[in-house]
Amino acid sequence: MARRGDETAYLQVSMQISSLESYEREFGDLERIKDNYPKYVILSDPMATLVNDDGIQVLKTEDYLL
């Protein structure tokens, strides 16, 4: 969880998501959070396919940092 001023967001950082097990690990906890704060999975894998999953935004590390 990250806060800046009155902004709040949930962040999950991963090298890559290459299996169902890693998908569940990275998305599972975020999917269980039922509030309306933004949720992000940040991947350092440059070949990652960026998809929105149940309102969770997937970003490459460089895009998140910019």
Protein backbone atom coordinates (compact mmCIF):
# COMPACT_ATOMS: atom_id res chain seq x y z
CA MET A 1 0.00 0.00 0.00
CA ALA A 2 1.35 3.42 -0.90
CA ARG A 3 0.12 6.83 0.17
CA ARG A 4 0.99 10.30 -1.04
CA GLY A 5 -1.06 13.15 0.35
CA ASP A 6 -4.67 12.08 0.03
CA GLU A 7 -3.90 9.45 -2.69
CA THR A 8 -3.79 5.75 -1.84
CA ALA A 9 -2.90 2.80 -4.10
CA TYR A 10 -2.02 -0.87 -3.77
CA LEU A 11 1.17 -2.06 -5.47
CA GLN A 12 2.44 -5.56 -6.18
CA VAL A 13 5.86 -5.89 -7.83
CA SER A 14 7.08 -8.96 -9.69
CA MET A 15 9.86 -9.96 -12.06
CA GLN A 16 7.48 -11.90 -14.31
CA ILE A 17 4.29 -13.92 -14.30
CA SER A 18 5.07 -17.21 -15.98
CA SER A 19 2.67 -19.70 -14.41
CA LEU A 20 -0.76 -20.00 -12.83
CA GLU A 21 0.95 -20.19 -9.43
CA SER A 22 2.79 -16.89 -9.96
CA TYR A 23 -0.39 -15.29 -11.37
CA GLU A 24 -2.35 -16.26 -8.27
CA ARG A 25 0.45 -15.03 -6.01
CA GLU A 26 0.65 -11.62 -7.68
CA PHE A 27 -3.07 -10.98 -8.31
CA GLY A 28 -4.80 -13.01 -5.60
CA ASP A 29 -4.43 -10.63 -2.66
CA LEU A 30 -5.26 -7.59 -4.79
CA GLU A 31 -8.42 -9.28 -6.09
CA ARG A 32 -9.61 -9.85 -2.51
CA ILE A 33 -9.39 -6.14 -1.63
CA LYS A 34 -12.88 -4.71 -2.07
CA ASP A 35 -12.30 -0.97 -1.74
CA ASN A 36 -12.01 1.43 -4.66
CA TYR A 37 -8.36 2.44 -4.44
CA PRO A 38 -6.29 1.79 -7.59
CA LYS A 39 -4.46 -1.53 -7.74
CA TYR A 40 -1.29 -2.15 -9.76
CA VAL A 41 0.89 -5.12 -10.61
CA ILE A 42 4.28 -3.81 -11.70
CA LEU A 43 6.38 -6.16 -13.84
CA SER A 44 10.06 -5.85 -14.73
CA ASP A 45 9.65 -8.34 -17.59
CA PRO A 46 10.11 -6.26 -20.80
CA MET A 47 8.13 -8.85 -22.77
CA ALA A 48 5.10 -8.70 -20.49
CA THR A 49 1.69 -8.53 -22.10
CA LEU A 50 -0.17 -5.68 -20.46
CA VAL A 51 -3.75 -6.51 -19.54
CA ASN A 52 -6.32 -5.18 -17.12
CA ASP A 53 -7.61 -7.91 -14.84
CA ASP A 54 -10.66 -7.17 -12.66
CA GLY A 55 -9.67 -3.51 -12.44
CA ILE A 56 -6.03 -4.24 -11.66
CA GLN A 57 -3.67 -2.33 -13.91
CA VAL A 58 -0.54 -4.10 -15.12
CA LEU A 59 2.42 -1.83 -15.80
CA LYS A 60 6.02 -2.35 -16.84
CA THR A 61 8.47 -1.02 -14.27
CA GLU A 62 9.76 1.75 -16.54
CA ASP A 63 6.23 2.95 -17.32
CA TYR A 64 5.34 3.08 -13.63
CA LEU A 65 8.48 5.03 -12.76
CA LEU A 66 7.91 7.58 -15.52
